[in-house]
Protein backbone atom coordinates (compact mmCIF):
# COMPACT_ATOMS: atom_id res chain seq x y z
CA MET A 1 7.61 68.37 36.63
CA SER A 2 3.96 69.29 35.93
CA ALA A 3 1.66 67.44 33.58
CA ALA A 4 1.60 70.52 31.32
CA ALA A 5 5.38 70.47 31.08
CA ASP A 6 5.31 66.77 30.22
CA ILE A 7 2.88 67.41 27.37
CA ALA A 8 4.83 70.41 26.13
CA GLY A 9 7.98 68.34 25.95
CA VAL A 10 6.55 66.18 23.18
CA LEU A 11 4.85 68.90 21.12
CA SER A 12 6.10 69.33 17.59
CA ARG A 13 6.72 72.60 15.76
CA ASP A 14 3.73 71.81 13.49
CA ALA A 15 1.44 71.29 16.47
CA ILE A 16 2.37 74.67 17.94
CA ALA A 17 1.83 76.31 14.54
CA GLU A 18 -1.67 74.81 14.37
CA VAL A 19 -2.51 76.16 17.85
CA ARG A 20 -1.23 79.59 16.82
CA ALA A 21 -3.47 79.56 13.74
CA VAL A 22 -6.53 78.67 15.83
CA VAL A 23 -5.73 81.41 18.33
CA GLN A 24 -5.43 83.99 15.55
CA ALA A 25 -8.73 82.89 14.07
CA LEU A 26 -10.57 83.23 17.40
CA ALA A 27 -8.82 86.36 18.70
CA ALA A 28 -11.47 88.64 17.19
CA PHE A 29 -14.12 86.99 19.36
CA GLU A 30 -12.00 86.35 22.47
CA PRO A 31 -9.69 89.33 23.14
CA ASP A 32 -8.04 87.52 26.03
CA LEU A 33 -6.47 85.13 23.52
CA ASP A 34 -4.17 87.92 22.28
CA ALA A 35 -1.62 87.06 24.95
CA LEU A 36 -1.39 83.41 24.00
CA PRO A 37 0.86 83.69 20.90
CA LYS A 38 3.66 85.13 23.07
CA ALA A 39 3.23 82.29 25.57
CA LEU A 40 3.37 79.76 22.74
CA GLU A 41 6.85 80.96 21.82
CA THR A 42 8.12 79.85 25.25
CA ILE A 43 6.85 76.26 24.94
CA PRO A 44 9.66 73.81 24.18
CA PHE A 45 9.03 71.65 21.14
CA GLN A 46 10.51 68.42 19.94
CA THR A 47 11.73 68.14 16.38
CA PHE A 48 11.01 64.78 14.75
CA VAL A 49 13.86 63.60 12.58
CA PRO A 50 12.82 60.46 10.64
CA ASP A 51 15.35 57.64 10.75
CA ARG A 52 16.45 55.48 7.84
CA ARG A 53 13.61 53.00 8.28
CA ALA A 54 10.97 55.73 8.44
CA LEU A 55 12.31 57.41 5.29
CA ALA A 56 12.37 54.07 3.44
CA TRP A 57 8.79 53.35 4.50
CA ARG A 58 7.65 56.78 3.34
CA GLY A 59 9.31 56.28 -0.04
CA LEU A 60 7.86 52.79 -0.43
CA TYR A 61 4.34 53.74 0.57
CA LEU A 62 4.19 56.85 -1.61
CA SER A 63 5.51 54.93 -4.61
CA ILE A 64 2.54 52.53 -4.74
CA TYR A 65 0.14 53.91 -7.31
CA GLN A 66 -2.46 51.14 -7.24
CA GLN A 67 -4.03 49.53 -4.19
CA PRO A 68 -3.06 45.84 -4.48
CA LYS A 69 -5.49 43.01 -3.90
CA ARG A 70 -2.57 40.61 -3.69
CA VAL A 71 1.00 41.06 -2.45
CA VAL A 72 3.92 38.73 -3.16
CA LEU A 73 6.94 39.06 -0.87
CA VAL A 74 9.94 37.57 -2.66
CA GLY A 75 13.55 37.39 -1.51
CA SER A 76 14.98 38.21 -4.94
CA ILE A 77 12.88 38.64 -8.06
CA ASP A 78 15.70 37.56 -10.38
CA HIS A 79 16.21 34.36 -8.36
CA ALA A 80 12.54 33.36 -8.33
CA PRO A 81 11.89 31.49 -11.59
CA GLU A 82 8.33 30.81 -10.42
CA LEU A 83 7.49 34.44 -11.25
CA ALA A 84 8.23 33.85 -14.93
CA GLY A 85 4.99 31.88 -15.16
CA LEU A 86 2.70 34.67 -14.00
CA ALA A 87 -0.31 35.41 -16.17
CA GLU A 88 -0.03 38.41 -18.44
CA ASP A 89 -2.84 40.18 -16.60
CA THR A 90 -1.30 41.16 -13.26
CA ALA A 91 -3.71 43.95 -12.35
CA GLY A 92 -4.14 44.20 -8.60
CA LEU A 93 -0.79 42.50 -7.93
CA LEU A 94 2.19 44.02 -6.12
CA ILE A 95 5.50 42.15 -5.96
CA VAL A 96 7.95 43.36 -3.30
CA GLU A 97 11.56 42.21 -3.27
CA THR A 98 12.58 42.09 0.37
CA ASP A 99 16.03 40.57 0.81
CA ALA A 100 18.19 41.33 -2.25
CA ALA A 101 21.22 43.56 -1.62
CA THR A 102 20.94 44.95 -5.15
CA VAL A 103 17.75 45.72 -7.04
CA SER A 104 16.75 42.97 -9.48
CA THR A 105 16.21 43.64 -13.18
CA ALA A 106 12.79 41.95 -13.03
CA GLU A 107 13.04 41.17 -16.75
CA MET A 108 11.01 37.98 -16.31
CA LEU A 109 7.91 39.79 -15.08
CA PRO A 110 5.06 40.53 -17.49
CA ARG A 111 4.99 44.09 -18.79
CA GLY A 112 3.08 46.42 -16.48
CA THR A 113 3.54 44.35 -13.32
CA GLN A 114 3.73 46.60 -10.28
CA TRP A 115 6.88 45.74 -8.32
CA ARG A 116 9.20 47.33 -5.81
CA SER A 117 12.49 46.46 -4.13
CA LEU A 118 13.16 47.56 -0.56
CA THR A 119 16.77 48.18 -1.53
CA GLU A 120 15.79 50.94 -3.96
CA PHE A 121 14.61 53.00 -1.00
CA ASP A 122 17.79 52.44 1.05
CA ALA A 123 20.60 50.02 0.22
CA GLY A 124 21.72 50.08 3.86
CA LEU A 125 18.59 48.52 5.34
CA ASP A 126 19.40 45.70 7.76
CA VAL A 127 17.42 42.53 8.40
CA GLU A 128 15.22 44.07 11.09
CA ASP A 129 14.50 47.07 8.88
CA ARG A 130 13.34 44.79 6.09
CA ILE A 131 11.12 42.75 8.40
CA ALA A 132 9.57 45.94 9.75
CA LEU A 133 8.93 47.32 6.26
CA ALA A 134 7.39 44.06 5.02
CA THR A 135 5.14 43.97 8.08
CA ALA A 136 4.10 47.60 7.71
CA LEU A 137 3.31 47.05 4.04
CA VAL A 138 1.06 44.01 4.49
CA SER A 139 -0.62 45.17 7.69
CA GLY A 140 -1.07 48.70 6.33
CA LEU A 141 -2.38 47.88 2.85
CA GLN A 142 -4.39 44.84 4.04
CA PRO A 143 -4.52 43.05 0.68
CA ASP A 144 -6.87 40.12 0.17
CA SER A 145 -3.90 37.76 0.21
CA ALA A 146 -0.14 37.74 0.71
CA LEU A 147 2.24 35.11 -0.67
CA ILE A 148 5.71 34.46 0.77
CA LEU A 149 8.11 33.32 -1.95
CA GLY A 150 11.66 32.72 -0.71
CA SER A 151 11.54 35.84 1.48
CA ARG A 152 13.24 35.64 4.86
CA ALA A 153 11.69 38.97 5.85
CA GLY A 154 8.29 37.62 4.86
CA TRP A 155 8.67 34.42 6.87
CA GLU A 156 9.88 36.36 9.91
CA MET A 157 6.83 38.60 9.54
CA LEU A 158 4.58 35.54 9.69
CA VAL A 159 6.39 34.05 12.70
CA ARG A 160 6.07 37.29 14.66
CA TYR A 161 2.79 38.78 13.49
CA GLY A 162 0.97 36.17 11.42
CA ASN A 163 -1.84 35.68 13.94
CA ALA A 164 -2.76 39.36 13.73
CA ILE A 165 -2.21 39.84 9.99
CA ARG A 166 -4.36 36.87 9.01
CA LEU A 167 -7.42 38.59 10.49
CA ASN A 168 -7.50 40.79 7.37
CA THR A 169 -5.31 38.97 4.84
CA ALA A 170 -5.18 35.34 3.70
CA LEU A 171 -1.58 34.15 4.06
CA PHE A 172 0.20 31.71 1.75
CA GLY A 173 3.69 30.21 1.76
CA THR A 174 5.73 28.38 -0.86
CA LEU A 175 8.28 25.59 -0.90
CA ALA A 176 10.85 27.98 -2.36
CA ALA A 177 14.42 28.22 -1.13
CA VAL A 178 15.51 31.15 0.99
CA PRO A 179 19.11 32.38 0.50
CA ASP A 180 21.49 30.82 3.06
CA LEU A 181 18.71 28.53 4.26
CA SER A 182 18.23 24.96 3.07
CA ILE A 183 14.79 23.56 2.33
CA ALA A 184 15.10 21.35 5.43
CA ASP A 185 15.88 24.38 7.58
CA LEU A 186 13.05 26.27 5.89
CA PHE A 187 10.71 23.47 6.94
CA ARG A 188 11.88 23.46 10.54
CA THR A 189 12.40 27.18 11.04
CA TYR A 190 9.36 28.58 9.31
CA LEU A 191 6.90 26.29 7.56
CA VAL A 192 5.94 24.15 10.56
CA ARG A 193 5.75 27.15 12.87
CA CYS A 194 3.70 29.18 10.40
CA LEU A 195 1.37 26.40 9.28
CA PRO A 196 -1.42 27.39 11.72
CA VAL A 197 -1.66 30.91 10.24
CA LEU A 198 -1.29 29.83 6.60
CA THR A 199 -4.25 29.25 4.33
CA ALA A 200 -2.06 27.05 2.14
CA ILE A 201 1.50 26.03 1.29
CA CYS A 202 2.09 26.01 -2.48
CA GLY A 203 4.73 24.16 -4.48
CA SER A 204 5.52 22.93 -7.97
CA ASP A 205 6.86 19.57 -6.75
CA HIS A 206 4.11 17.28 -5.52
CA ARG A 207 6.67 14.84 -4.08
CA ALA A 208 8.31 17.60 -2.06
CA LEU A 209 4.93 18.54 -0.62
CA GLN A 210 4.32 14.93 0.38
CA ARG A 211 7.81 14.59 1.89
CA PHE A 212 7.09 17.68 3.95
CA ALA A 213 3.82 16.13 5.14
CA GLU A 214 5.52 12.83 6.04
CA MET A 215 8.56 14.42 7.67
CA PHE A 216 6.48 16.39 10.14
CA GLY A 217 3.55 14.02 10.48
CA LEU A 218 0.92 16.45 9.26
CA SER A 219 -2.65 15.52 10.04
CA ALA A 220 -5.28 15.02 7.34
CA ALA A 221 -6.61 18.53 8.06
CA GLU A 222 -3.14 20.01 7.71
CA ARG A 223 -2.42 18.14 4.47
CA VAL A 224 -5.42 19.85 2.89
CA LYS A 225 -3.34 23.03 3.01
CA LEU A 226 -0.73 21.61 0.60
CA ARG A 227 -1.39 22.81 -2.97
CA ASP A 228 0.46 21.93 -6.17
CA TRP A 229 0.24 24.99 -8.39
CA ARG A 230 0.79 22.89 -11.49
CA ASP A 231 -2.66 21.39 -10.88
CA THR A 232 -4.23 24.86 -11.04
CA ASP A 233 -3.78 27.79 -13.39
CA GLY A 234 -0.45 28.64 -11.79
CA LEU A 235 1.21 29.94 -8.67
CA LEU A 236 -1.19 32.80 -7.98
CA ALA A 237 -4.25 30.66 -8.65
CA ALA A 238 -2.98 28.15 -6.10
CA ALA A 239 -2.52 31.00 -3.68
CA GLY A 240 -6.10 32.10 -3.46
CA GLY A 241 -7.42 32.72 -6.96
CA ARG A 242 -6.55 34.80 -9.99
CA THR A 243 -5.33 38.38 -9.86
């Protein structure tokens, strides 16, 4: 098969239409181009049919009306009591619910908070879909900071792509439970592995932070990353400043 045939095999209908428009525009100056439109009709094209994940990503991306400076990835908004303490002014903040099978009510959030749930774009998304969407969101929007709050998709994103994402976004984790995962398992499975890419690990229980440090023998430099948000102006202040 020739190289031309290889290229033609991946052309889309839109690409061929664009070539046709260019040919028509130039035909008055280059009469020899008149024959090209007929030849274009014989080129095979490939129709792109977006899959479930692509459609969900399109819906999610187009729904965001304000570029966020800070993104919070949370497993379930209604099961994250930490969010109830957010400051009233949440401009520049986007909260994305990643793991919940049903969309939360989000009644605890301050009025006007920008939030989304991946499930609202497709209730049939599987775990890998949700990880991919969370990754696309953070790497695509490149906020100043991203906070993982009880989000399995968020933690998986950090394990797989944290080294790359942190080049543009400061990454923060929390000592918040993940559904079907104990705090001990959270420590072993995610927190220790992600510590090198995290700017800080935030928690409301100072003793839990210290137990984490003792359990895994964190160095003095690593312990600096442990932040108690009760000693600041709240969760978001502990995770890199105010919104």
